Amino acid sequence: MKTQTTSINSIRKDFPILNRHVYGDKQLIYLDNASTTQKPIQVINSINDFYRNYNSNIHRSVYSIANEATNAYENTRNKIAKFLNISDPKEIIFVRGTTEAINLVAYSWGRKNITKNDVIVTTEYEHHSNIVPWQLLVKEKQAKLKYIEINKSGELCLEQLDSYLECGNVKLVTFSQMSNVLGTITDSKKIISQCRKHDVKTLIDGAQSVPHMKVNINDLNCDFFACSAHKMLGPTGVGILWIRKNVMEEMIPFHGGGDMIKEVHKYDTTWNDLPYKFEAGTPNIADVIGFSSSIDYINNIGMDVIRNHEEDLRDYTISKLDNIKNIVIYGSKDSTKSGGIISFNFADIHPHDLATILDEDGIAIRSGHHCAQVLMEKLDVPATSRISFYVYNTKNEIDKLITSLEKAARLFKL
């Protein structure tokens, strides 16, 4: 499969689920990729190969298949480092996903460094996983949580960050590189540059950005970065947390148990080297190896190809939605400023009702608050409908979506 010649049709052939039919004869149209992406056969086969041929624990044994498993597991760490331009693979910790990664930072860094009246800054368009851990921490430490607001275009009002930083009590600024509801791409480098001037740590939630655009952690110059495999064609239950080495060295372990130790005595323990100090117990070996295959698959296509395809598909979808009366789109319509996500409401049809109607036509979209109730409060809506794309989606699928929306309009006599 060559980047220059890869067609969407040939890509689609690699995804068995896209041949699925629901309700008898309705071919599945999957438009909920911001939640999780589908898996190509190459990823499925790599997991199957592990369990069939070299299933064993890692880092502990000297027999041949254990060495094979350890090498495959660590190869994923090296591959991620190259994919995200991370200088040292040992700054990468394997976790269950972005949520666990953020909680790890809140526990292992936050409980040591946040004290009474300190300030943590986040944004109004964060996923709950980048809000709730900080709420727990500030309540425990009697610190404060503040928010950067969004404007009518769904972009951050970054002048507020300057005023927060000038107060002198900010210890951490944590934000999504891409909103999981609006698709807004955050000006990460500007935020990090502002924080660096005040010696403030920065954490990036890259769950939505990494699958859809080139990410260069060396260039970003943040302190923490988290993302998940399942949003980039990989398995569920796997993610990574990158931590700047000098910061990681000062952090306490998140979990205690096997493999994160060097020696354990009755009343004292010495920790393993980085990053294993933060990887207690038997990890999700098979799915980490599957993650490696998903990175290979994405590299084969090329991130530029993925990004360009999604921009084109988003523009096409918005042009079609604009022709339907009573649809309100949230955030910017400029696809150069957004990822492949569109959130909208359709007259007074509840998003759950709309999703049910579309499902009857085989079309899977997300409805609800998308784990972003702070943003829903800002938008003054209880929920939205959300369409989200990936590289295997087509304009033909969008045409069928539009037809189904028109059917909903007739049903509700709009």
Protein backbone atom coordinates (compact mmCIF):
# COMPACT_ATOMS: atom_id res chain seq x y z
CA MET A 1 0.00 0.00 0.00
CA LYS A 2 1.64 3.23 -1.19
CA THR A 3 0.71 6.66 0.10
CA GLN A 4 0.52 8.20 -3.36
CA THR A 5 -1.73 5.54 -4.86
CA THR A 6 -3.84 4.48 -1.90
CA SER A 7 -7.53 4.99 -2.66
CA ILE A 8 -10.32 5.18 -0.12
CA ASN A 9 -11.88 2.08 -1.65
CA SER A 10 -8.72 0.03 -1.14
CA ILE A 11 -8.46 1.30 2.44
CA ARG A 12 -12.07 0.34 3.14
CA LYS A 13 -11.35 -3.26 2.10
CA ASP A 14 -9.02 -3.54 5.11
CA PHE A 15 -11.88 -2.94 7.58
CA PRO A 16 -14.11 -6.02 7.97
CA ILE A 17 -16.77 -4.16 9.96
CA LEU A 18 -17.49 -1.83 7.04
CA ASN A 19 -19.08 -4.81 5.28
CA ARG A 20 -21.51 -5.18 8.18
CA HIS A 21 -25.23 -4.78 7.57
CA VAL A 22 -27.71 -3.82 10.30
CA TYR A 23 -31.49 -4.14 10.38
CA GLY A 24 -31.25 -6.71 7.62
CA ASP A 25 -30.20 -4.78 4.54
CA LYS A 26 -28.74 -1.51 5.81
CA GLN A 27 -24.99 -1.27 5.23
CA LEU A 28 -23.23 0.23 8.21
CA ILE A 29 -22.15 3.86 7.81
CA TYR A 30 -19.88 4.60 10.74
CA LEU A 31 -19.58 8.31 11.62
CA ASP A 32 -18.60 8.14 15.30
CA ASN A 33 -14.82 8.12 14.93
CA ALA A 34 -14.24 10.73 17.63
CA SER A 35 -15.51 8.11 20.06
CA THR A 36 -13.47 5.21 18.66
CA THR A 37 -12.21 4.19 15.24
CA GLN A 38 -12.68 0.87 13.47
CA LYS A 39 -9.76 -1.57 13.20
CA PRO A 40 -8.08 -2.78 10.01
CA ILE A 41 -7.45 -6.46 9.50
CA GLN A 42 -3.71 -5.85 9.95
CA VAL A 43 -4.26 -4.77 13.56
CA ILE A 44 -6.69 -7.60 14.25
CA ASN A 45 -4.21 -10.12 12.81
CA SER A 46 -1.31 -8.80 14.87
CA ILE A 47 -3.25 -9.33 18.11
CA ASN A 48 -4.34 -12.78 16.95
CA ASP A 49 -0.73 -13.62 16.03
CA PHE A 50 0.47 -12.76 19.54
CA TYR A 51 -2.04 -15.04 21.23
CA ARG A 52 -1.52 -17.84 18.75
CA ASN A 53 2.26 -17.82 18.49
CA TYR A 54 4.14 -16.08 21.32
CA ASN A 55 1.76 -15.31 24.19
CA SER A 56 3.89 -14.83 27.31
CA ASN A 57 4.68 -12.26 29.94
CA ILE A 58 7.34 -9.61 29.30
CA HIS A 59 10.43 -8.24 31.04
CA ARG A 60 10.64 -11.30 33.33
CA SER A 61 11.68 -14.48 31.54
CA VAL A 62 14.59 -15.60 29.37
CA TYR A 63 12.88 -18.21 27.20
CA SER A 64 12.47 -17.51 23.49
CA ILE A 65 8.80 -16.52 23.17
CA ALA A 66 9.07 -14.26 26.23
CA ASN A 67 11.96 -12.46 24.58
CA GLU A 68 9.91 -12.22 21.39
CA ALA A 69 6.98 -10.69 23.29
CA THR A 70 9.23 -8.24 25.16
CA ASN A 71 10.89 -7.11 21.93
CA ALA A 72 7.52 -6.60 20.20
CA TYR A 73 6.19 -4.65 23.19
CA GLU A 74 9.24 -2.39 23.40
CA ASN A 75 9.27 -1.96 19.63
CA THR A 76 5.89 -0.24 20.00
CA ARG A 77 7.40 2.23 22.44
CA ASN A 78 10.17 3.01 19.95
CA LYS A 79 7.69 3.33 17.10
CA ILE A 80 5.53 5.79 19.07
CA ALA A 81 8.61 7.86 19.84
CA LYS A 82 9.37 8.16 16.14
CA PHE A 83 5.73 8.80 15.22
CA LEU A 84 5.40 11.69 17.70
CA ASN A 85 9.03 12.89 17.41
CA ILE A 86 9.97 12.06 20.99
CA SER A 87 13.73 12.05 21.56
CA ASP A 88 13.83 9.40 24.29
CA PRO A 89 11.41 6.41 24.18
CA LYS A 90 11.95 5.97 27.92
CA GLU A 91 9.88 9.11 28.47
CA ILE A 92 6.84 7.13 27.24
CA ILE A 93 4.62 5.31 29.74
CA PHE A 94 2.02 2.79 28.58
CA VAL A 95 -1.38 3.34 30.19
CA ARG A 96 -4.95 2.19 29.51
CA GLY A 97 -5.78 5.41 27.71
CA THR A 98 -5.84 9.20 27.90
CA THR A 99 -8.09 9.16 30.96
CA GLU A 100 -5.66 7.05 32.99
CA ALA A 101 -2.76 9.17 31.74
CA ILE A 102 -4.31 12.39 33.03
CA ASN A 103 -5.22 10.76 36.33
CA LEU A 104 -1.63 9.55 36.64
CA VAL A 105 -0.37 13.12 36.30
CA ALA A 106 -2.94 14.41 38.78
CA TYR A 107 -1.93 11.77 41.32
CA SER A 108 1.82 11.41 40.84
CA TRP A 109 2.72 15.01 39.94
CA GLY A 110 -0.26 16.97 41.25
CA ARG A 111 -0.33 15.65 44.80
CA LYS A 112 3.31 16.54 45.22
CA ASN A 113 3.31 19.93 43.54
CA ILE A 114 -0.13 21.49 44.07
CA THR A 115 -0.68 23.25 47.38
CA LYS A 116 -3.28 25.52 48.97
CA ASN A 117 -4.37 28.46 46.74
CA ASP A 118 -2.43 27.19 43.71
CA VAL A 119 -4.27 27.44 40.39
CA ILE A 120 -4.83 24.84 37.68
CA VAL A 121 -6.14 26.20 34.38
CA THR A 122 -8.13 24.22 31.84
CA THR A 123 -10.66 25.14 29.12
CA GLU A 124 -14.41 25.13 28.58
CA TYR A 125 -14.21 22.57 25.79
CA GLU A 126 -12.46 19.83 27.72
CA HIS A 127 -13.53 16.21 27.96
CA HIS A 128 -14.55 15.22 31.48
CA SER A 129 -11.29 13.27 31.81
CA ASN A 130 -9.43 16.58 31.73
CA ILE A 131 -11.74 18.21 34.27
CA VAL A 132 -12.76 15.69 36.93
CA PRO A 133 -9.21 14.65 38.03
CA TRP A 134 -8.38 18.32 38.59
CA GLN A 135 -11.62 18.94 40.49
CA LEU A 136 -10.70 16.09 42.82
CA LEU A 137 -7.18 17.43 43.25
CA VAL A 138 -8.09 21.07 43.96
CA LYS A 139 -10.70 20.02 46.52
CA GLU A 140 -8.13 17.85 48.30
CA LYS A 141 -5.43 20.53 48.20
CA GLN A 142 -7.69 23.60 48.68
CA ALA A 143 -6.43 24.90 45.37
CA LYS A 144 -8.41 26.52 42.53
CA LEU A 145 -9.56 25.44 39.08
CA LYS A 146 -10.07 28.12 36.44
CA TYR A 147 -11.29 27.96 32.84
CA ILE A 148 -10.29 29.62 29.59
CA GLU A 149 -13.59 30.48 27.91
CA ILE A 150 -14.49 29.95 24.25
CA ASN A 151 -15.83 32.57 21.84
CA LYS A 152 -18.73 32.24 19.38
CA SER A 153 -16.44 30.54 16.85
CA GLY A 154 -15.56 27.86 19.38
CA GLU A 155 -11.99 29.15 19.81
CA LEU A 156 -10.28 29.86 23.11
CA CYS A 157 -10.11 33.40 24.50
CA LEU A 158 -6.38 33.17 25.15
CA GLU A 159 -6.15 36.69 26.56
CA GLN A 160 -7.72 35.18 29.70
CA LEU A 161 -4.71 32.91 30.06
CA ASP A 162 -2.43 35.96 30.30
CA SER A 163 -4.46 37.34 33.20
CA TYR A 164 -4.38 33.98 34.99
CA LEU A 165 -0.62 33.63 34.54
CA GLU A 166 0.04 37.12 35.83
CA CYS A 167 -1.52 36.23 39.19
CA GLY A 168 1.57 34.09 39.89
CA ASN A 169 -0.23 31.10 41.41
CA VAL A 170 -0.76 28.99 38.28
CA LYS A 171 1.09 25.66 38.44
CA LEU A 172 -0.43 23.80 35.48
CA VAL A 173 -2.31 24.60 32.28
CA THR A 174 -4.01 21.54 30.78
CA PHE A 175 -5.93 21.50 27.50
CA SER A 176 -7.07 19.45 24.51
CA GLN A 177 -5.13 19.89 21.31
CA MET A 178 -8.41 19.28 19.48
CA SER A 179 -11.91 19.54 20.92
CA ASN A 180 -13.84 16.27 20.84
CA VAL A 181 -17.11 18.19 20.32
CA LEU A 182 -16.30 21.19 18.14
CA GLY A 183 -13.20 19.87 16.40
CA THR A 184 -11.44 23.15 17.23
CA ILE A 185 -7.66 22.89 16.88
CA THR A 186 -6.01 24.62 19.82
CA ASP A 187 -3.10 27.01 19.32
CA SER A 188 -0.96 24.76 21.51
CA LYS A 189 2.37 26.41 20.84
CA LYS A 190 1.03 29.83 21.81
CA ILE A 191 -0.32 28.49 25.11
CA ILE A 192 2.91 26.66 25.89
CA SER A 193 5.02 29.70 25.01
CA GLN A 194 2.97 31.86 27.37
CA CYS A 195 3.31 29.28 30.14
CA ARG A 196 7.06 28.89 29.68
CA LYS A 197 7.53 32.60 30.44
CA HIS A 198 5.98 31.98 33.86
CA ASP A 199 7.59 28.58 34.53
CA VAL A 200 4.17 26.89 34.39
CA LYS A 201 3.81 23.23 33.43
CA THR A 202 1.59 22.23 30.47
CA LEU A 203 -0.35 19.05 29.78
CA ILE A 204 -1.86 18.28 26.37
CA ASP A 205 -4.76 15.90 25.85
CA GLY A 206 -3.93 14.61 22.36
CA ALA A 207 -6.68 11.97 22.15
CA GLN A 208 -8.38 13.69 19.21
CA SER A 209 -5.39 15.36 17.57
CA VAL A 210 -2.89 12.50 17.19
CA PRO A 211 -5.11 10.39 14.88
CA HIS A 212 -5.91 13.27 12.57
CA MET A 213 -2.93 15.62 12.26
CA LYS A 214 0.84 15.59 12.54
CA VAL A 215 1.99 16.01 16.13
CA ASN A 216 5.58 16.85 17.01
CA ILE A 217 6.11 16.70 20.77
CA ASN A 218 9.70 17.92 20.56
CA ASP A 219 8.49 21.01 18.76
CA LEU A 220 5.51 21.58 21.09
CA ASN A 221 7.79 21.80 24.15
CA CYS A 222 5.05 20.79 26.61
CA ASP A 223 5.65 18.82 29.82
CA PHE A 224 2.99 16.09 29.57
CA PHE A 225 1.23 14.61 26.54
CA ALA A 226 -1.42 11.88 26.45
CA CYS A 227 -3.23 9.97 23.71
CA SER A 228 -5.13 6.71 23.10
CA ALA A 229 -4.65 3.89 20.59
CA HIS A 230 -8.33 3.17 19.98
CA LYS A 231 -8.93 6.54 18.35
CA MET A 232 -6.19 5.85 15.78
CA LEU A 233 -7.20 2.43 14.41
CA GLY A 234 -5.68 0.60 17.36
CA PRO A 235 -7.13 -1.51 20.19
CA THR A 236 -9.02 -0.25 23.21
CA GLY A 237 -7.36 -0.28 26.61
CA VAL A 238 -4.02 1.15 25.45
CA GLY A 239 -2.63 4.67 25.49
CA ILE A 240 0.53 6.55 26.24
CA LEU A 241 1.65 9.28 28.57
CA TRP A 242 4.77 11.18 27.63
CA ILE A 243 6.47 13.07 30.44
CA ARG A 244 9.54 15.26 30.18
CA LYS A 245 12.32 13.22 31.81
CA ASN A 246 13.36 15.67 34.52
CA VAL A 247 9.70 16.00 35.54
CA MET A 248 9.14 12.22 35.50
CA GLU A 249 12.18 11.59 37.71
CA GLU A 250 10.61 13.60 40.55
CA MET A 251 7.20 11.90 40.39
CA ILE A 252 5.99 9.17 42.74
CA PRO A 253 4.59 5.90 41.32
CA PHE A 254 0.90 5.73 40.45
CA HIS A 255 0.48 1.97 41.02
CA GLY A 256 2.54 -0.43 43.12
CA GLY A 257 3.30 -4.05 42.26
CA GLY A 258 5.40 -6.23 40.02
CA ASP A 259 7.80 -4.87 37.39
CA MET A 260 7.81 -1.31 38.74
CA ILE A 261 10.33 -2.28 41.42
CA LYS A 262 13.99 -3.25 41.67
CA GLU A 263 13.93 -4.68 45.18
CA VAL A 264 11.22 -5.19 47.78
CA HIS A 265 12.03 -5.78 51.45
CA LYS A 266 9.73 -5.91 54.46
CA TYR A 267 9.66 -2.17 55.03
CA ASP A 268 11.31 -0.62 52.00
CA THR A 269 11.22 -0.76 48.22
CA THR A 270 13.41 0.67 45.48
CA TRP A 271 11.78 1.65 42.20
CA ASN A 272 12.60 0.36 38.75
CA ASP A 273 14.20 2.57 36.13
CA LEU A 274 12.07 4.90 34.00
CA PRO A 275 9.56 4.37 32.51
CA TYR A 276 8.94 1.00 34.20
CA LYS A 277 8.54 2.71 37.56
CA PHE A 278 5.07 3.68 36.29
CA GLU A 279 4.13 0.36 34.64
CA ALA A 280 3.09 -1.95 37.47
CA GLY A 281 1.87 -5.48 36.88
CA THR A 282 1.30 -7.43 33.69
CA PRO A 283 0.47 -4.87 31.01
CA ASN A 284 -1.93 -5.13 28.09
CA ILE A 285 0.74 -6.82 25.97
CA ALA A 286 -1.37 -8.00 23.04
CA ASP A 287 -3.02 -4.62 22.50
CA VAL A 288 0.25 -2.70 22.81
CA ILE A 289 1.52 -4.91 19.99
CA GLY A 290 -1.70 -4.19 18.09
CA PHE A 291 -1.03 -0.48 18.62
CA SER A 292 2.25 -0.95 16.76
CA SER A 293 0.36 -2.28 13.74
CA SER A 294 -2.03 0.67 13.78
CA ILE A 295 0.91 3.08 13.64
CA ASP A 296 2.32 1.13 10.70
CA TYR A 297 -1.03 1.39 8.95
CA ILE A 298 -1.31 5.14 9.49
CA ASN A 299 2.29 5.69 8.37
CA ASN A 300 1.57 3.72 5.21
CA ILE A 301 -1.26 6.08 4.33
CA GLY A 302 0.44 9.26 5.55
CA MET A 303 -0.84 11.84 8.01
CA ASP A 304 -1.06 14.49 5.28
CA VAL A 305 -3.36 12.22 3.27
CA ILE A 306 -5.57 11.62 6.32
CA ARG A 307 -5.72 15.32 7.20
CA ASN A 308 -6.49 16.42 3.63
CA HIS A 309 -9.19 13.78 3.24
CA GLU A 310 -10.92 14.85 6.45
CA GLU A 311 -10.79 18.55 5.55
CA ASP A 312 -12.34 17.78 2.17
CA LEU A 313 -15.01 15.56 3.73
CA ARG A 314 -15.82 18.13 6.41
CA ASP A 315 -16.19 20.93 3.84
CA TYR A 316 -18.44 18.72 1.74
CA THR A 317 -20.63 17.80 4.72
CA ILE A 318 -21.00 21.39 5.91
CA SER A 319 -21.99 22.51 2.41
CA LYS A 320 -24.73 19.85 2.42
CA LEU A 321 -25.91 20.63 5.97
CA ASP A 322 -26.14 24.32 5.13
CA ASN A 323 -28.84 23.46 2.58
CA ILE A 324 -31.08 21.94 5.27
CA LYS A 325 -33.23 24.39 7.20
CA ASN A 326 -33.11 24.54 10.99
CA ILE A 327 -29.67 22.96 11.41
CA VAL A 328 -27.37 24.82 13.80
CA ILE A 329 -23.66 23.94 13.58
CA TYR A 330 -21.51 24.67 16.63
CA GLY A 331 -17.96 25.98 16.34
CA SER A 332 -16.11 27.13 13.27
CA LYS A 333 -17.05 26.04 9.76
CA ASP A 334 -13.45 26.64 8.67
CA SER A 335 -12.02 23.14 8.23
CA THR A 336 -8.44 24.43 8.30
CA LYS A 337 -9.05 25.34 11.95
CA SER A 338 -10.90 22.15 12.87
CA GLY A 339 -10.58 18.40 12.85
CA GLY A 340 -13.02 16.00 11.23
CA ILE A 341 -15.81 16.65 13.72
CA ILE A 342 -19.14 18.45 13.27
CA SER A 343 -21.57 18.99 16.15
CA PHE A 344 -25.04 20.29 15.39
CA ASN A 345 -28.67 20.41 16.43
CA PHE A 346 -31.63 19.98 14.10
CA ALA A 347 -34.60 22.19 15.04
CA ASP A 348 -36.19 20.84 18.23
CA ILE A 349 -35.45 17.17 17.47
CA HIS A 350 -33.65 15.74 20.47
CA PRO A 351 -30.23 14.37 19.43
CA HIS A 352 -31.11 10.93 20.82
CA ASP A 353 -34.25 10.83 18.66
CA LEU A 354 -32.28 11.93 15.62
CA ALA A 355 -29.60 9.31 16.25
CA THR A 356 -32.31 6.63 16.49
CA ILE A 357 -33.79 7.64 13.13
CA LEU A 358 -30.36 7.63 11.48
CA ASP A 359 -29.56 4.27 13.05
CA GLU A 360 -32.60 2.78 11.33
CA ASP A 361 -30.85 3.69 8.06
CA GLY A 362 -27.61 2.06 9.23
CA ILE A 363 -25.94 5.37 10.08
CA ALA A 364 -24.02 5.54 13.37
CA ILE A 365 -23.54 9.01 14.85
CA ARG A 366 -23.06 10.16 18.44
CA SER A 367 -25.72 11.98 20.42
CA GLY A 368 -25.52 13.41 23.92
CA HIS A 369 -23.14 15.67 25.82
CA HIS A 370 -20.03 13.80 24.56
CA CYS A 371 -18.45 13.83 28.05
CA ALA A 372 -18.29 17.62 27.79
CA GLN A 373 -21.09 18.99 29.96
CA VAL A 374 -19.17 22.17 30.77
CA LEU A 375 -19.19 22.94 27.05
CA MET A 376 -22.89 22.04 26.74
CA GLU A 377 -23.63 24.57 29.50
CA LYS A 378 -21.64 27.17 27.58
CA LEU A 379 -23.58 26.42 24.39
CA ASP A 380 -26.82 26.42 26.41
CA VAL A 381 -27.94 23.06 25.05
CA PRO A 382 -28.50 19.71 26.83
CA ALA A 383 -26.89 17.73 24.00
CA THR A 384 -25.81 17.79 20.36
CA SER A 385 -25.60 15.41 17.43
CA ARG A 386 -22.01 14.73 16.36
CA ILE A 387 -20.60 13.46 13.08
CA SER A 388 -16.93 12.52 13.06
CA PHE A 389 -14.84 11.18 10.18
CA TYR A 390 -11.81 9.06 9.52
CA VAL A 391 -9.86 8.05 6.46
CA TYR A 392 -12.31 5.31 5.39
CA ASN A 393 -15.38 7.58 5.22
CA THR A 394 -16.70 8.72 1.82
CA LYS A 395 -18.82 11.44 0.25
CA ASN A 396 -21.29 8.76 -0.77
CA GLU A 397 -21.82 8.02 2.92
CA ILE A 398 -22.41 11.72 3.56
CA ASP A 399 -25.02 11.80 0.79
CA LYS A 400 -26.85 8.96 2.54
CA LEU A 401 -26.60 10.85 5.82
CA ILE A 402 -28.19 13.90 4.22
CA THR A 403 -31.00 11.77 2.78
CA SER A 404 -31.67 10.36 6.24
CA LEU A 405 -31.70 13.84 7.78
CA GLU A 406 -34.23 14.93 5.17
CA LYS A 407 -36.35 11.94 6.13
CA ALA A 408 -36.17 13.05 9.78
CA ALA A 409 -37.36 16.51 8.73
CA ARG A 410 -40.42 14.99 7.06
CA LEU A 411 -41.16 12.79 10.08
CA PHE A 412 -41.08 15.82 12.39
CA LYS A 413 -42.88 18.00 9.81
CA LEU A 414 -40.15 20.61 9.75
